[in-house]
Amino acid sequence: MNRQHLCLLTLPLLAACGSLDDSRFATGSSTLVADAGYTTMYMVDADSGVIGAMDADGAEVGSFELGGEPTRIARLGDKLLVSQRTERSLAVLSQSSDGLRLDQQITVGAEPVGVVAAEDGSFAYVAASLSGTVVEIDGETMA
């Protein structure tokens, strides 16, 4: 694990690691994340299993029924990563002309909760609370 990865895990604000290229980029695990253009916000609703979307004016622009008790969300490049607590997986979503679509699910361990991604899209980490593990996901291959 290199210093950048360690800082991302241990210092959510990256104060000791230098600055972000985009100071608005979320560096901690969150229930809300913006798309790359900051025109759409995506939020998880664990109770209903839905990923909601709203525009910059606060108007609802859609929703996606994911299931699996979505807990946290992060942006990795143009993809959205959503921890699915009851599915033991990380859902990889992308925006299409018809709305969000599920590209793949990655098994990551028992009760994945936290998910963070590098600003440059090179990697993400998922913390599986019950199994006590942190899984690193390559941003390009999703392996």
C-alpha atoms as a PDB file:
ATOM      1  CA  MET A   1       0.000   0.000   0.000  1.00  0.00           C
ATOM      2  CA  ASN A   2       1.534   3.333  -0.963  1.00  0.00           C
ATOM      3  CA  ARG A   3       1.380   6.616   0.977  1.00  0.00           C
ATOM      4  CA  GLN A   4      -1.477   8.012  -1.134  1.00  0.00           C
ATOM      5  CA  HIS A   5      -3.633   4.964  -0.403  1.00  0.00           C
ATOM      6  CA  LEU A   6      -2.815   5.090   3.304  1.00  0.00           C
ATOM      7  CA  CYS A   7      -3.697   8.763   3.521  1.00  0.00           C
ATOM      8  CA  LEU A   8      -6.995   8.204   1.757  1.00  0.00           C
ATOM      9  CA  LEU A   9      -7.923   5.610   4.350  1.00  0.00           C
ATOM     10  CA  THR A  10      -6.700   7.388   7.450  1.00  0.00           C
ATOM     11  CA  LEU A  11      -7.172  11.070   6.726  1.00  0.00           C
ATOM     12  CA  PRO A  12     -10.486  11.719   5.024  1.00  0.00           C
ATOM     13  CA  LEU A  13      -9.696  15.376   4.464  1.00  0.00           C
ATOM     14  CA  LEU A  14      -6.255  14.561   3.031  1.00  0.00           C
ATOM     15  CA  ALA A  15      -4.795  17.416   5.055  1.00  0.00           C
ATOM     16  CA  ALA A  16      -1.463  15.646   5.503  1.00  0.00           C
ATOM     17  CA  CYS A  17      -1.274  14.302   1.942  1.00  0.00           C
ATOM     18  CA  GLY A  18      -1.526  17.467  -0.101  1.00  0.00           C
ATOM     19  CA  SER A  19      -4.439  19.065  -1.832  1.00  0.00           C
ATOM     20  CA  LEU A  20      -7.046  17.776  -4.228  1.00  0.00           C
ATOM     21  CA  ASP A  21      -7.268  18.959  -7.822  1.00  0.00           C
ATOM     22  CA  ASP A  22     -10.980  19.525  -7.175  1.00  0.00           C
ATOM     23  CA  SER A  23     -11.635  20.607  -3.603  1.00  0.00           C
ATOM     24  CA  ARG A  24     -15.286  19.520  -3.943  1.00  0.00           C
ATOM     25  CA  PHE A  25     -14.359  15.851  -4.450  1.00  0.00           C
ATOM     26  CA  ALA A  26     -15.662  13.753  -1.560  1.00  0.00           C
ATOM     27  CA  THR A  27     -12.784  12.063   0.285  1.00  0.00           C
ATOM     28  CA  GLY A  28     -14.769  10.187   2.915  1.00  0.00           C
ATOM     29  CA  SER A  29     -17.436   7.515   2.827  1.00  0.00           C
ATOM     30  CA  SER A  30     -20.767   9.204   2.157  1.00  0.00           C
ATOM     31  CA  THR A  31     -24.463   8.716   1.541  1.00  0.00           C
ATOM     32  CA  LEU A  32     -24.429  11.459  -1.108  1.00  0.00           C
ATOM     33  CA  VAL A  33     -22.141  12.089  -4.099  1.00  0.00           C
ATOM     34  CA  ALA A  34     -22.119  14.380  -7.133  1.00  0.00           C
ATOM     35  CA  ASP A  35     -21.468  13.392 -10.714  1.00  0.00           C
ATOM     36  CA  ALA A  36     -18.259  14.619 -12.374  1.00  0.00           C
ATOM     37  CA  GLY A  37     -19.918  17.816 -13.622  1.00  0.00           C
ATOM     38  CA  TYR A  38     -21.613  18.557 -10.276  1.00  0.00           C
ATOM     39  CA  THR A  39     -24.972  18.792 -12.045  1.00  0.00           C
ATOM     40  CA  THR A  40     -26.559  15.697 -10.502  1.00  0.00           C
ATOM     41  CA  MET A  41     -26.441  14.431  -6.928  1.00  0.00           C
ATOM     42  CA  TYR A  42     -26.907  10.737  -6.125  1.00  0.00           C
ATOM     43  CA  MET A  43     -27.963   9.487  -2.711  1.00  0.00           C
ATOM     44  CA  VAL A  44     -28.464   6.079  -1.136  1.00  0.00           C
ATOM     45  CA  ASP A  45     -31.645   5.113   0.673  1.00  0.00           C
ATOM     46  CA  ALA A  46     -30.834   1.960   2.616  1.00  0.00           C
ATOM     47  CA  ASP A  47     -34.399   1.465   3.858  1.00  0.00           C
ATOM     48  CA  SER A  48     -35.956   1.331   0.401  1.00  0.00           C
ATOM     49  CA  GLY A  49     -32.920  -0.018  -1.493  1.00  0.00           C
ATOM     50  CA  VAL A  50     -32.999   2.895  -3.931  1.00  0.00           C
ATOM     51  CA  ILE A  51     -30.400   5.233  -5.399  1.00  0.00           C
ATOM     52  CA  GLY A  52     -32.063   8.617  -5.883  1.00  0.00           C
ATOM     53  CA  ALA A  53     -30.910  11.407  -8.175  1.00  0.00           C
ATOM     54  CA  MET A  54     -31.615  15.131  -8.093  1.00  0.00           C
ATOM     55  CA  ASP A  55     -30.418  18.044 -10.185  1.00  0.00           C
ATOM     56  CA  ALA A  56     -28.598  21.139  -8.934  1.00  0.00           C
ATOM     57  CA  ASP A  57     -31.931  22.868  -8.304  1.00  0.00           C
ATOM     58  CA  GLY A  58     -33.047  20.058  -5.996  1.00  0.00           C
ATOM     59  CA  ALA A  59     -35.579  18.542  -8.394  1.00  0.00           C
ATOM     60  CA  GLU A  60     -35.777  14.755  -8.470  1.00  0.00           C
ATOM     61  CA  VAL A  61     -34.530  13.483 -11.821  1.00  0.00           C
ATOM     62  CA  GLY A  62     -34.829   9.765 -11.252  1.00  0.00           C
ATOM     63  CA  SER A  63     -34.198   6.787  -9.081  1.00  0.00           C
ATOM     64  CA  PHE A  64     -32.764   3.314  -9.456  1.00  0.00           C
ATOM     65  CA  GLU A  65     -33.961   0.324  -7.460  1.00  0.00           C
ATOM     66  CA  LEU A  66     -30.795  -1.463  -6.417  1.00  0.00           C
ATOM     67  CA  GLY A  67     -31.741  -3.420  -3.312  1.00  0.00           C
ATOM     68  CA  GLY A  68     -29.244  -5.025  -0.977  1.00  0.00           C
ATOM     69  CA  GLU A  69     -29.418  -2.210   1.581  1.00  0.00           C
ATOM     70  CA  PRO A  70     -27.235   0.351  -0.218  1.00  0.00           C
ATOM     71  CA  THR A  71     -25.212   2.048   2.504  1.00  0.00           C
ATOM     72  CA  ARG A  72     -22.516   4.320   1.035  1.00  0.00           C
ATOM     73  CA  ILE A  73     -21.747   5.748  -2.392  1.00  0.00           C
ATOM     74  CA  ALA A  74     -18.606   7.103  -4.071  1.00  0.00           C
ATOM     75  CA  ARG A  75     -17.718   8.337  -7.538  1.00  0.00           C
ATOM     76  CA  LEU A  76     -14.881   6.569  -9.353  1.00  0.00           C
ATOM     77  CA  GLY A  77     -14.344   8.470 -12.591  1.00  0.00           C
ATOM     78  CA  ASP A  78     -17.692   8.302 -14.386  1.00  0.00           C
ATOM     79  CA  LYS A  79     -18.928   5.310 -12.370  1.00  0.00           C
ATOM     80  CA  LEU A  80     -20.772   5.172  -9.067  1.00  0.00           C
ATOM     81  CA  LEU A  81     -19.758   2.625  -6.450  1.00  0.00           C
ATOM     82  CA  VAL A  82     -22.400   1.591  -3.929  1.00  0.00           C
ATOM     83  CA  SER A  83     -21.827  -0.724  -0.978  1.00  0.00           C
ATOM     84  CA  GLN A  84     -24.640  -3.263  -0.675  1.00  0.00           C
ATOM     85  CA  ARG A  85     -24.626  -4.384   2.937  1.00  0.00           C
ATOM     86  CA  THR A  86     -26.911  -7.415   2.716  1.00  0.00           C
ATOM     87  CA  GLU A  87     -25.489  -8.596  -0.624  1.00  0.00           C
ATOM     88  CA  ARG A  88     -21.855  -8.566   0.565  1.00  0.00           C
ATOM     89  CA  SER A  89     -21.004  -6.687  -2.602  1.00  0.00           C
ATOM     90  CA  LEU A  90     -20.098  -3.432  -4.255  1.00  0.00           C
ATOM     91  CA  ALA A  91     -22.439  -2.365  -7.048  1.00  0.00           C
ATOM     92  CA  VAL A  92     -20.848  -0.557  -9.987  1.00  0.00           C
ATOM     93  CA  LEU A  93     -23.335   1.771 -11.674  1.00  0.00           C
ATOM     94  CA  SER A  94     -23.070   4.048 -14.684  1.00  0.00           C
ATOM     95  CA  GLN A  95     -25.290   6.732 -16.132  1.00  0.00           C
ATOM     96  CA  SER A  96     -26.954   5.958 -19.455  1.00  0.00           C
ATOM     97  CA  SER A  97     -29.486   7.904 -21.522  1.00  0.00           C
ATOM     98  CA  ASP A  98     -32.207   5.913 -19.735  1.00  0.00           C
ATOM     99  CA  GLY A  99     -30.854   6.623 -16.231  1.00  0.00           C
ATOM    100  CA  LEU A 100     -28.615   4.571 -13.977  1.00  0.00           C
ATOM    101  CA  ARG A 101     -27.726   1.009 -14.907  1.00  0.00           C
ATOM    102  CA  LEU A 102     -25.990  -1.752 -12.989  1.00  0.00           C
ATOM    103  CA  ASP A 103     -22.731  -2.698 -14.718  1.00  0.00           C
ATOM    104  CA  GLN A 104     -21.489  -5.285 -12.236  1.00  0.00           C
ATOM    105  CA  GLN A 105     -21.429  -6.443  -8.642  1.00  0.00           C
ATOM    106  CA  ILE A 106     -18.157  -7.238  -6.924  1.00  0.00           C
ATOM    107  CA  THR A 107     -18.145  -9.547  -3.887  1.00  0.00           C
ATOM    108  CA  VAL A 108     -16.193  -7.781  -1.141  1.00  0.00           C
ATOM    109  CA  GLY A 109     -17.025  -9.468   2.191  1.00  0.00           C
ATOM    110  CA  ALA A 110     -19.567  -9.484   4.981  1.00  0.00           C
ATOM    111  CA  GLU A 111     -21.459  -6.228   5.490  1.00  0.00           C
ATOM    112  CA  PRO A 112     -19.582  -3.772   3.295  1.00  0.00           C
ATOM    113  CA  VAL A 113     -20.257  -0.298   4.580  1.00  0.00           C
ATOM    114  CA  GLY A 114     -17.601   2.300   3.765  1.00  0.00           C
ATOM    115  CA  VAL A 115     -16.442   3.058   0.247  1.00  0.00           C
ATOM    116  CA  VAL A 116     -13.961   5.727  -0.864  1.00  0.00           C
ATOM    117  CA  ALA A 117     -12.371   6.388  -4.240  1.00  0.00           C
ATOM    118  CA  ALA A 118      -9.311   8.233  -5.478  1.00  0.00           C
ATOM    119  CA  GLU A 119      -9.974  11.541  -7.174  1.00  0.00           C
ATOM    120  CA  ASP A 120      -8.109  10.393 -10.290  1.00  0.00           C
ATOM    121  CA  GLY A 121     -10.255   7.240 -10.552  1.00  0.00           C
ATOM    122  CA  SER A 122      -7.310   4.869 -10.157  1.00  0.00           C
ATOM    123  CA  PHE A 123      -8.594   2.891  -7.160  1.00  0.00           C
ATOM    124  CA  ALA A 124     -11.291   2.526  -4.516  1.00  0.00           C
ATOM    125  CA  TYR A 125     -11.434   0.925  -1.101  1.00  0.00           C
ATOM    126  CA  VAL A 126     -14.372  -0.884   0.457  1.00  0.00           C
ATOM    127  CA  ALA A 127     -14.513  -1.599   4.189  1.00  0.00           C
ATOM    128  CA  ALA A 128     -16.426  -4.769   5.072  1.00  0.00           C
ATOM    129  CA  SER A 129     -17.379  -4.264   8.716  1.00  0.00           C
ATOM    130  CA  LEU A 130     -18.348  -7.785   9.761  1.00  0.00           C
ATOM    131  CA  SER A 131     -15.456  -9.535   8.036  1.00  0.00           C
ATOM    132  CA  GLY A 132     -13.013  -6.852   9.230  1.00  0.00           C
ATOM    133  CA  THR A 133     -11.406  -6.402   5.823  1.00  0.00           C
ATOM    134  CA  VAL A 134     -10.632  -3.586   3.425  1.00  0.00           C
ATOM    135  CA  VAL A 135     -10.749  -4.498  -0.262  1.00  0.00           C
ATOM    136  CA  GLU A 136      -8.847  -2.474  -2.851  1.00  0.00           C
ATOM    137  CA  ILE A 137     -10.527  -2.179  -6.258  1.00  0.00           C
ATOM    138  CA  ASP A 138      -8.513  -1.207  -9.347  1.00  0.00           C
ATOM    139  CA  GLY A 139     -10.305   1.699 -11.036  1.00  0.00           C
ATOM    140  CA  GLU A 140      -9.534   0.545 -14.548  1.00  0.00           C
ATOM    141  CA  THR A 141     -10.166  -3.203 -14.360  1.00  0.00           C
ATOM    142  CA  MET A 142     -12.545  -3.218 -11.364  1.00  0.00           C
ATOM    143  CA  ALA A 143     -10.602  -6.266 -10.082  1.00  0.00           C
END
